[in-house]
Amino acid sequence: MEEGKRLLTQSGYEKLQTELEDLKVNARKEIAEKIKEARAQGDLSENAEYDAALDEQRDIEARIVEIEGILKNAVVMDEHPDDGSINIGSRVTIREAGTDYDMDIDIVGASEANSLKGRISNESPVGSALMHRHAGEEVTVETPEGEIRYTIVSVEHPIA
């Protein structure tokens, strides 16, 4: 893949577009109103509300720039291989060797990763080890604590 390109699922792409639209339309309007109200209070040099509103405005503008960059360089992965292999957008159930505990994870692009929600980047050690594999296969993941072996229990397409 080209340098700088970001893999996204279709749903991830749509969520970012929605967030961008909300930031540009609603958040900008709300923060402009907060700044206006804070200015009306007088002396800006000691106005904590004004400073907080400016900080919030900077955060909003930074997020807009970040999302625009992601979307500009996005490659949407909405096709799944016919062979049932793991790819961006796959929901995978894996089991660590020596345990009976199954873990469900979604393989997503780095921009969508959120380990607390079970959304693992295709670039992470686990994600990259699973890419293009099939149910029933075993994979070994190199971690700082050593090797971990997983069995791929099932693969489903697509995630929501």
N, C-alpha and C. Protein backbone atom coordinates (compact mmCIF):
# COMPACT_ATOMS: atom_id res chain seq x y z
N MET A 1 0.84 -1.17 0.00
CA MET A 1 0.00 0.00 0.00
C MET A 1 0.89 1.24 0.00
N GLU A 2 0.39 2.30 -0.59
CA GLU A 2 1.14 3.54 -0.67
C GLU A 2 1.41 4.12 0.71
N GLU A 3 2.55 4.79 0.82
CA GLU A 3 2.92 5.47 2.07
C GLU A 3 1.86 6.50 2.44
N GLY A 4 1.46 6.51 3.70
CA GLY A 4 0.50 7.50 4.17
C GLY A 4 -0.95 7.10 4.03
N LYS A 5 -1.25 6.03 3.31
CA LYS A 5 -2.64 5.60 3.14
C LYS A 5 -3.11 4.95 4.43
N ARG A 6 -4.39 5.14 4.75
CA ARG A 6 -4.97 4.60 5.97
C ARG A 6 -6.12 3.67 5.61
N LEU A 7 -6.06 2.43 6.09
CA LEU A 7 -7.13 1.47 5.84
C LEU A 7 -8.27 1.72 6.82
N LEU A 8 -9.49 1.73 6.30
CA LEU A 8 -10.69 1.91 7.12
C LEU A 8 -11.75 0.93 6.65
N THR A 9 -12.60 0.52 7.58
CA THR A 9 -13.79 -0.21 7.18
C THR A 9 -14.79 0.80 6.65
N GLN A 10 -15.79 0.34 5.93
CA GLN A 10 -16.81 1.25 5.41
C GLN A 10 -17.51 1.97 6.56
N SER A 11 -17.84 1.22 7.63
CA SER A 11 -18.53 1.86 8.76
C SER A 11 -17.63 2.87 9.45
N GLY A 12 -16.34 2.59 9.55
CA GLY A 12 -15.41 3.53 10.15
C GLY A 12 -15.29 4.81 9.35
N TYR A 13 -15.27 4.66 8.03
CA TYR A 13 -15.21 5.81 7.13
C TYR A 13 -16.46 6.68 7.32
N GLU A 14 -17.62 6.03 7.37
CA GLU A 14 -18.88 6.77 7.54
C GLU A 14 -18.95 7.46 8.89
N LYS A 15 -18.46 6.81 9.95
CA LYS A 15 -18.45 7.43 11.28
C LYS A 15 -17.57 8.68 11.29
N LEU A 16 -16.41 8.60 10.65
CA LEU A 16 -15.53 9.77 10.59
C LEU A 16 -16.16 10.90 9.79
N GLN A 17 -16.84 10.58 8.68
CA GLN A 17 -17.53 11.61 7.91
C GLN A 17 -18.61 12.29 8.75
N THR A 18 -19.36 11.51 9.52
CA THR A 18 -20.41 12.04 10.38
C THR A 18 -19.81 12.94 11.46
N GLU A 19 -18.73 12.47 12.09
CA GLU A 19 -18.08 13.27 13.13
C GLU A 19 -17.56 14.58 12.55
N LEU A 20 -16.95 14.52 11.37
CA LEU A 20 -16.43 15.73 10.73
C LEU A 20 -17.54 16.73 10.45
N GLU A 21 -18.63 16.26 9.92
CA GLU A 21 -19.77 17.13 9.62
C GLU A 21 -20.29 17.77 10.91
N ASP A 22 -20.40 16.98 11.98
CA ASP A 22 -20.88 17.50 13.26
C ASP A 22 -19.93 18.56 13.81
N LEU A 23 -18.64 18.30 13.72
CA LEU A 23 -17.67 19.28 14.21
C LEU A 23 -17.75 20.58 13.42
N LYS A 24 -17.85 20.47 12.10
CA LYS A 24 -17.86 21.67 11.25
C LYS A 24 -19.16 22.46 11.41
N VAL A 25 -20.27 21.79 11.54
CA VAL A 25 -21.56 22.47 11.57
C VAL A 25 -21.96 22.85 13.00
N ASN A 26 -21.97 21.88 13.89
CA ASN A 26 -22.50 22.12 15.23
C ASN A 26 -21.45 22.62 16.22
N ALA A 27 -20.33 21.90 16.32
CA ALA A 27 -19.33 22.26 17.33
C ALA A 27 -18.75 23.65 17.08
N ARG A 28 -18.46 23.98 15.84
CA ARG A 28 -17.94 25.32 15.54
C ARG A 28 -18.93 26.40 15.94
N LYS A 29 -20.21 26.17 15.68
CA LYS A 29 -21.24 27.15 16.02
C LYS A 29 -21.33 27.31 17.54
N GLU A 30 -21.32 26.18 18.25
CA GLU A 30 -21.42 26.22 19.71
C GLU A 30 -20.23 26.93 20.34
N ILE A 31 -19.02 26.65 19.86
CA ILE A 31 -17.84 27.28 20.45
C ILE A 31 -17.78 28.76 20.11
N ALA A 32 -18.25 29.14 18.93
CA ALA A 32 -18.29 30.56 18.58
C ALA A 32 -19.22 31.31 19.53
N GLU A 33 -20.32 30.68 19.89
CA GLU A 33 -21.26 31.29 20.84
C GLU A 33 -20.62 31.41 22.23
N LYS A 34 -19.90 30.37 22.66
CA LYS A 34 -19.23 30.43 23.96
C LYS A 34 -18.20 31.55 23.99
N ILE A 35 -17.44 31.69 22.92
CA ILE A 35 -16.43 32.75 22.85
C ILE A 35 -17.09 34.11 22.88
N LYS A 36 -18.18 34.26 22.16
CA LYS A 36 -18.91 35.52 22.13
C LYS A 36 -19.42 35.88 23.53
N GLU A 37 -19.99 34.91 24.24
CA GLU A 37 -20.50 35.14 25.59
C GLU A 37 -19.36 35.50 26.55
N ALA A 38 -18.22 34.81 26.43
CA ALA A 38 -17.09 35.09 27.30
C ALA A 38 -16.52 36.49 27.04
N ARG A 39 -16.47 36.90 25.78
CA ARG A 39 -16.00 38.26 25.44
C ARG A 39 -16.90 39.32 26.04
N ALA A 40 -18.18 39.03 26.09
CA ALA A 40 -19.15 40.00 26.60
C ALA A 40 -18.97 40.25 28.09
N GLN A 41 -18.24 39.36 28.76
CA GLN A 41 -18.03 39.52 30.20
C GLN A 41 -16.96 40.55 30.54
N GLY A 42 -16.28 41.07 29.55
CA GLY A 42 -15.31 42.13 29.82
C GLY A 42 -13.88 41.68 29.71
N ASP A 43 -13.07 42.05 30.68
CA ASP A 43 -11.61 41.86 30.70
C ASP A 43 -11.23 40.42 30.32
N LEU A 44 -10.59 40.27 29.15
CA LEU A 44 -10.24 38.94 28.65
C LEU A 44 -8.97 38.41 29.28
N SER A 45 -8.15 39.28 29.86
CA SER A 45 -6.86 38.83 30.42
C SER A 45 -7.04 37.93 31.64
N GLU A 46 -8.14 38.05 32.35
CA GLU A 46 -8.39 37.22 33.53
C GLU A 46 -9.71 36.46 33.40
N ASN A 47 -10.08 36.15 32.19
CA ASN A 47 -11.36 35.50 31.93
C ASN A 47 -11.13 34.02 31.66
N ALA A 48 -11.35 33.17 32.68
CA ALA A 48 -11.11 31.72 32.56
C ALA A 48 -12.05 31.09 31.53
N GLU A 49 -13.28 31.58 31.45
CA GLU A 49 -14.24 31.02 30.48
C GLU A 49 -13.77 31.29 29.05
N TYR A 50 -13.22 32.47 28.83
CA TYR A 50 -12.71 32.81 27.50
C TYR A 50 -11.53 31.90 27.13
N ASP A 51 -10.59 31.73 28.08
CA ASP A 51 -9.44 30.86 27.83
C ASP A 51 -9.88 29.42 27.57
N ALA A 52 -10.83 28.93 28.35
CA ALA A 52 -11.33 27.57 28.17
C ALA A 52 -12.00 27.41 26.80
N ALA A 53 -12.75 28.42 26.40
CA ALA A 53 -13.43 28.37 25.10
C ALA A 53 -12.41 28.36 23.96
N LEU A 54 -11.34 29.14 24.10
CA LEU A 54 -10.29 29.14 23.06
C LEU A 54 -9.58 27.79 23.00
N ASP A 55 -9.34 27.20 24.18
CA ASP A 55 -8.72 25.87 24.20
C ASP A 55 -9.62 24.85 23.50
N GLU A 56 -10.91 24.92 23.79
CA GLU A 56 -11.86 24.01 23.17
C GLU A 56 -11.91 24.22 21.65
N GLN A 57 -11.84 25.47 21.23
CA GLN A 57 -11.84 25.78 19.81
C GLN A 57 -10.61 25.18 19.13
N ARG A 58 -9.44 25.29 19.79
CA ARG A 58 -8.22 24.70 19.24
C ARG A 58 -8.36 23.18 19.11
N ASP A 59 -8.95 22.55 20.14
CA ASP A 59 -9.15 21.10 20.10
C ASP A 59 -10.07 20.69 18.96
N ILE A 60 -11.13 21.43 18.76
CA ILE A 60 -12.08 21.14 17.68
C ILE A 60 -11.40 21.28 16.33
N GLU A 61 -10.67 22.37 16.14
CA GLU A 61 -10.00 22.59 14.86
C GLU A 61 -8.92 21.53 14.61
N ALA A 62 -8.22 21.13 15.66
CA ALA A 62 -7.21 20.08 15.51
C ALA A 62 -7.85 18.76 15.11
N ARG A 63 -8.99 18.43 15.71
CA ARG A 63 -9.68 17.19 15.36
C ARG A 63 -10.20 17.24 13.93
N ILE A 64 -10.68 18.40 13.50
CA ILE A 64 -11.15 18.54 12.11
C ILE A 64 -9.99 18.28 11.15
N VAL A 65 -8.84 18.86 11.42
CA VAL A 65 -7.66 18.66 10.56
C VAL A 65 -7.26 17.18 10.56
N GLU A 66 -7.29 16.55 11.75
CA GLU A 66 -6.93 15.14 11.86
C GLU A 66 -7.87 14.27 11.03
N ILE A 67 -9.17 14.48 11.18
CA ILE A 67 -10.14 13.67 10.44
C ILE A 67 -10.02 13.91 8.94
N GLU A 68 -9.86 15.16 8.53
CA GLU A 68 -9.71 15.45 7.10
C GLU A 68 -8.49 14.73 6.53
N GLY A 69 -7.40 14.68 7.30
CA GLY A 69 -6.21 13.96 6.84
C GLY A 69 -6.45 12.47 6.71
N ILE A 70 -7.16 11.90 7.68
CA ILE A 70 -7.47 10.47 7.62
C ILE A 70 -8.34 10.17 6.41
N LEU A 71 -9.40 10.96 6.23
CA LEU A 71 -10.32 10.71 5.12
C LEU A 71 -9.65 10.93 3.76
N LYS A 72 -8.78 11.92 3.70
CA LYS A 72 -8.07 12.21 2.44
C LYS A 72 -7.20 11.03 2.02
N ASN A 73 -6.63 10.34 3.00
CA ASN A 73 -5.72 9.23 2.71
C ASN A 73 -6.35 7.86 2.94
N ALA A 74 -7.67 7.83 3.07
CA ALA A 74 -8.36 6.58 3.40
C ALA A 74 -8.47 5.65 2.20
N VAL A 75 -8.29 4.38 2.50
CA VAL A 75 -8.59 3.32 1.55
C VAL A 75 -9.65 2.47 2.24
N VAL A 76 -10.87 2.49 1.70
CA VAL A 76 -11.98 1.78 2.33
C VAL A 76 -11.96 0.33 1.91
N MET A 77 -11.93 -0.54 2.92
CA MET A 77 -11.92 -1.98 2.67
C MET A 77 -13.33 -2.50 2.88
N ASP A 78 -14.08 -2.63 1.81
CA ASP A 78 -15.45 -3.13 1.95
C ASP A 78 -15.65 -4.44 1.21
N GLU A 79 -14.61 -4.96 0.64
CA GLU A 79 -14.68 -6.25 -0.05
C GLU A 79 -14.00 -7.31 0.81
N HIS A 80 -14.59 -8.47 0.89
CA HIS A 80 -13.98 -9.56 1.65
C HIS A 80 -13.57 -10.65 0.68
N PRO A 81 -12.44 -11.28 0.96
CA PRO A 81 -11.99 -12.35 0.08
C PRO A 81 -13.00 -13.50 0.03
N ASP A 82 -13.13 -14.10 -1.13
CA ASP A 82 -14.06 -15.21 -1.31
C ASP A 82 -13.62 -16.46 -0.55
N ASP A 83 -12.35 -16.51 -0.18
CA ASP A 83 -11.84 -17.72 0.48
C ASP A 83 -12.06 -17.73 1.99
N GLY A 84 -12.74 -16.71 2.53
CA GLY A 84 -13.05 -16.67 3.96
C GLY A 84 -11.88 -16.29 4.84
N SER A 85 -10.82 -15.76 4.25
CA SER A 85 -9.66 -15.39 5.06
C SER A 85 -9.91 -14.08 5.81
N ILE A 86 -9.09 -13.83 6.81
CA ILE A 86 -9.22 -12.65 7.66
C ILE A 86 -8.67 -11.44 6.93
N ASN A 87 -9.43 -10.35 7.00
CA ASN A 87 -9.01 -9.09 6.39
C ASN A 87 -9.60 -7.96 7.22
N ILE A 88 -9.35 -6.73 6.81
CA ILE A 88 -9.97 -5.58 7.46
C ILE A 88 -11.48 -5.78 7.40
N GLY A 89 -12.15 -5.59 8.52
CA GLY A 89 -13.59 -5.76 8.58
C GLY A 89 -14.04 -7.13 9.04
N SER A 90 -13.10 -8.03 9.30
CA SER A 90 -13.45 -9.37 9.77
C SER A 90 -13.69 -9.36 11.27
N ARG A 91 -14.65 -10.15 11.71
CA ARG A 91 -14.82 -10.44 13.13
C ARG A 91 -14.24 -11.83 13.33
N VAL A 92 -13.31 -11.93 14.28
CA VAL A 92 -12.55 -13.15 14.47
C VAL A 92 -12.70 -13.61 15.92
N THR A 93 -12.90 -14.90 16.10
CA THR A 93 -12.87 -15.49 17.42
C THR A 93 -11.58 -16.29 17.53
N ILE A 94 -10.78 -15.96 18.55
CA ILE A 94 -9.51 -16.65 18.75
C ILE A 94 -9.47 -17.23 20.17
N ARG A 95 -8.63 -18.25 20.34
CA ARG A 95 -8.46 -18.88 21.64
C ARG A 95 -6.96 -19.02 21.90
N GLU A 96 -6.53 -18.49 23.05
CA GLU A 96 -5.12 -18.62 23.42
C GLU A 96 -4.83 -20.08 23.76
N ALA A 97 -3.67 -20.56 23.31
CA ALA A 97 -3.29 -21.95 23.55
C ALA A 97 -3.28 -22.24 25.05
N GLY A 98 -3.83 -23.39 25.40
CA GLY A 98 -3.84 -23.82 26.79
C GLY A 98 -5.00 -23.27 27.61
N THR A 99 -5.93 -22.56 26.95
CA THR A 99 -7.09 -22.02 27.66
C THR A 99 -8.37 -22.47 26.95
N ASP A 100 -9.49 -22.26 27.62
CA ASP A 100 -10.80 -22.53 27.02
C ASP A 100 -11.55 -21.23 26.77
N TYR A 101 -10.85 -20.11 26.89
CA TYR A 101 -11.48 -18.80 26.77
C TYR A 101 -11.39 -18.29 25.33
N ASP A 102 -12.55 -18.03 24.73
CA ASP A 102 -12.59 -17.46 23.39
C ASP A 102 -12.68 -15.94 23.47
N MET A 103 -11.99 -15.27 22.58
CA MET A 103 -11.98 -13.81 22.54
C MET A 103 -12.43 -13.38 21.14
N ASP A 104 -13.45 -12.51 21.09
CA ASP A 104 -13.93 -11.97 19.82
C ASP A 104 -13.27 -10.63 19.57
N ILE A 105 -12.70 -10.46 18.38
CA ILE A 105 -12.08 -9.20 18.01
C ILE A 105 -12.50 -8.83 16.60
N ASP A 106 -12.51 -7.55 16.33
CA ASP A 106 -12.75 -7.03 14.99
C ASP A 106 -11.42 -6.52 14.46
N ILE A 107 -11.09 -6.87 13.24
CA ILE A 107 -9.87 -6.38 12.61
C ILE A 107 -10.22 -5.11 11.85
N VAL A 108 -9.58 -4.01 12.23
CA VAL A 108 -9.88 -2.71 11.64
C VAL A 108 -8.58 -2.02 11.27
N GLY A 109 -8.68 -0.91 10.53
CA GLY A 109 -7.52 -0.09 10.24
C GLY A 109 -7.05 0.62 11.50
N ALA A 110 -5.81 1.09 11.50
CA ALA A 110 -5.22 1.71 12.69
C ALA A 110 -6.04 2.89 13.19
N SER A 111 -6.68 3.63 12.31
CA SER A 111 -7.46 4.80 12.71
C SER A 111 -8.70 4.43 13.51
N GLU A 112 -9.15 3.19 13.41
CA GLU A 112 -10.37 2.76 14.09
C GLU A 112 -10.11 1.89 15.31
N ALA A 113 -8.86 1.55 15.57
CA ALA A 113 -8.54 0.62 16.64
C ALA A 113 -8.97 1.16 18.00
N ASN A 114 -9.50 0.26 18.82
CA ASN A 114 -9.90 0.58 20.18
C ASN A 114 -9.94 -0.75 20.93
N SER A 115 -8.85 -1.06 21.62
CA SER A 115 -8.74 -2.37 22.27
C SER A 115 -9.81 -2.59 23.33
N LEU A 116 -10.30 -1.53 23.95
CA LEU A 116 -11.34 -1.68 24.96
C LEU A 116 -12.65 -2.15 24.35
N LYS A 117 -12.83 -1.92 23.05
CA LYS A 117 -14.03 -2.36 22.36
C LYS A 117 -13.76 -3.59 21.48
N GLY A 118 -12.57 -4.16 21.61
CA GLY A 118 -12.24 -5.35 20.84
C GLY A 118 -11.94 -5.06 19.38
N ARG A 119 -11.58 -3.83 19.06
CA ARG A 119 -11.27 -3.44 17.69
C ARG A 119 -9.75 -3.33 17.56
N ILE A 120 -9.15 -4.32 16.91
CA ILE A 120 -7.71 -4.47 16.84
C ILE A 120 -7.21 -4.05 15.46
N SER A 121 -6.17 -3.24 15.44
CA SER A 121 -5.58 -2.79 14.18
C SER A 121 -4.94 -3.94 13.42
N ASN A 122 -5.07 -3.89 12.11
CA ASN A 122 -4.39 -4.86 11.26
C ASN A 122 -2.87 -4.72 11.36
N GLU A 123 -2.40 -3.59 11.89
CA GLU A 123 -0.96 -3.34 12.02
C GLU A 123 -0.42 -3.79 13.37
N SER A 124 -1.30 -4.12 14.32
CA SER A 124 -0.86 -4.57 15.64
C SER A 124 -0.24 -5.97 15.52
N PRO A 125 0.50 -6.39 16.52
CA PRO A 125 1.08 -7.74 16.45
C PRO A 125 0.03 -8.84 16.24
N VAL A 126 -1.07 -8.78 16.99
CA VAL A 126 -2.12 -9.79 16.84
C VAL A 126 -2.79 -9.65 15.48
N GLY A 127 -3.16 -8.42 15.13
CA GLY A 127 -3.84 -8.18 13.86
C GLY A 127 -3.02 -8.63 12.66
N SER A 128 -1.74 -8.27 12.65
CA SER A 128 -0.91 -8.65 11.50
C SER A 128 -0.69 -10.16 11.44
N ALA A 129 -0.63 -10.82 12.60
CA ALA A 129 -0.48 -12.28 12.60
C ALA A 129 -1.72 -12.98 12.05
N LEU A 130 -2.89 -12.36 12.26
CA LEU A 130 -4.15 -12.96 11.82
C LEU A 130 -4.49 -12.70 10.35
N MET A 131 -3.97 -11.61 9.80
CA MET A 131 -4.34 -11.22 8.43
C MET A 131 -4.11 -12.37 7.45
N HIS A 132 -5.12 -12.60 6.62
CA HIS A 132 -5.10 -13.57 5.52
C HIS A 132 -5.06 -15.03 5.99
N ARG A 133 -5.33 -15.24 7.27
CA ARG A 133 -5.41 -16.60 7.81
C ARG A 133 -6.85 -17.07 7.78
N HIS A 134 -7.08 -18.33 8.14
CA HIS A 134 -8.40 -18.95 8.08
C HIS A 134 -8.75 -19.61 9.41
N ALA A 135 -10.04 -19.86 9.60
CA ALA A 135 -10.50 -20.59 10.78
C ALA A 135 -9.80 -21.93 10.85
N GLY A 136 -9.40 -22.32 12.06
CA GLY A 136 -8.72 -23.59 12.26
C GLY A 136 -7.21 -23.47 12.29
N GLU A 137 -6.67 -22.38 11.75
CA GLU A 137 -5.22 -22.20 11.75
C GLU A 137 -4.74 -21.72 13.11
N GLU A 138 -3.46 -21.99 13.39
CA GLU A 138 -2.81 -21.48 14.58
C GLU A 138 -1.83 -20.39 14.17
N VAL A 139 -1.74 -19.35 15.00
CA VAL A 139 -0.78 -18.27 14.75
C VAL A 139 0.03 -18.04 16.02
N THR A 140 1.23 -17.57 15.83
CA THR A 140 2.10 -17.23 16.95
C THR A 140 2.35 -15.73 16.88
N VAL A 141 2.15 -15.06 18.01
CA VAL A 141 2.33 -13.61 18.09
C VAL A 141 3.51 -13.31 18.99
N GLU A 142 4.45 -12.52 18.48
CA GLU A 142 5.59 -12.08 19.27
C GLU A 142 5.18 -10.89 20.12
N THR A 143 5.35 -10.98 21.42
CA THR A 143 5.04 -9.88 22.33
C THR A 143 6.28 -9.62 23.18
N PRO A 144 6.31 -8.48 23.88
CA PRO A 144 7.45 -8.22 24.76
C PRO A 144 7.59 -9.29 25.86
N GLU A 145 6.48 -9.94 26.23
CA GLU A 145 6.53 -10.98 27.26
C GLU A 145 6.87 -12.35 26.69
N GLY A 146 6.98 -12.45 25.38
CA GLY A 146 7.27 -13.73 24.75
C GLY A 146 6.22 -14.09 23.71
N GLU A 147 6.30 -15.30 23.19
CA GLU A 147 5.37 -15.75 22.17
C GLU A 147 4.04 -16.18 22.78
N ILE A 148 2.95 -15.82 22.08
CA ILE A 148 1.62 -16.29 22.46
C ILE A 148 1.03 -16.98 21.24
N ARG A 149 0.50 -18.18 21.46
CA ARG A 149 -0.12 -18.92 20.36
C ARG A 149 -1.63 -18.82 20.47
N TYR A 150 -2.27 -18.60 19.33
CA TYR A 150 -3.72 -18.54 19.25
C TYR A 150 -4.20 -19.51 18.20
N THR A 151 -5.39 -20.06 18.42
CA THR A 151 -6.09 -20.82 17.39
C THR A 151 -7.24 -19.95 16.91
N ILE A 152 -7.41 -19.86 15.60
CA ILE A 152 -8.52 -19.10 15.02
C ILE A 152 -9.74 -20.01 15.04
N VAL A 153 -10.71 -19.66 15.87
CA VAL A 153 -11.91 -20.47 16.05
C VAL A 153 -12.89 -20.22 14.92
N SER A 154 -13.13 -18.94 14.60
CA SER A 154 -14.07 -18.62 13.52
C SER A 154 -13.74 -17.27 12.93
N VAL A 155 -14.22 -17.08 11.69
CA VAL A 155 -14.04 -15.82 10.96
C VAL A 155 -15.40 -15.45 10.36
N GLU A 156 -15.83 -14.21 10.61
CA GLU A 156 -17.10 -13.73 10.05
C GLU A 156 -16.85 -12.45 9.28
N HIS A 157 -17.69 -12.21 8.26
CA HIS A 157 -17.61 -10.98 7.45
C HIS A 157 -19.01 -10.43 7.32
N PRO A 158 -19.24 -9.19 7.23
CA PRO A 158 -18.39 -8.09 7.70
C PRO A 158 -18.81 -7.67 9.08
N ILE A 159 -17.99 -6.81 9.71
CA ILE A 159 -18.35 -6.23 11.00
C ILE A 159 -19.21 -5.01 10.76
N ALA A 160 -19.91 -4.59 11.79
CA ALA A 160 -20.76 -3.40 11.69
C ALA A 160 -20.09 -2.23 12.34
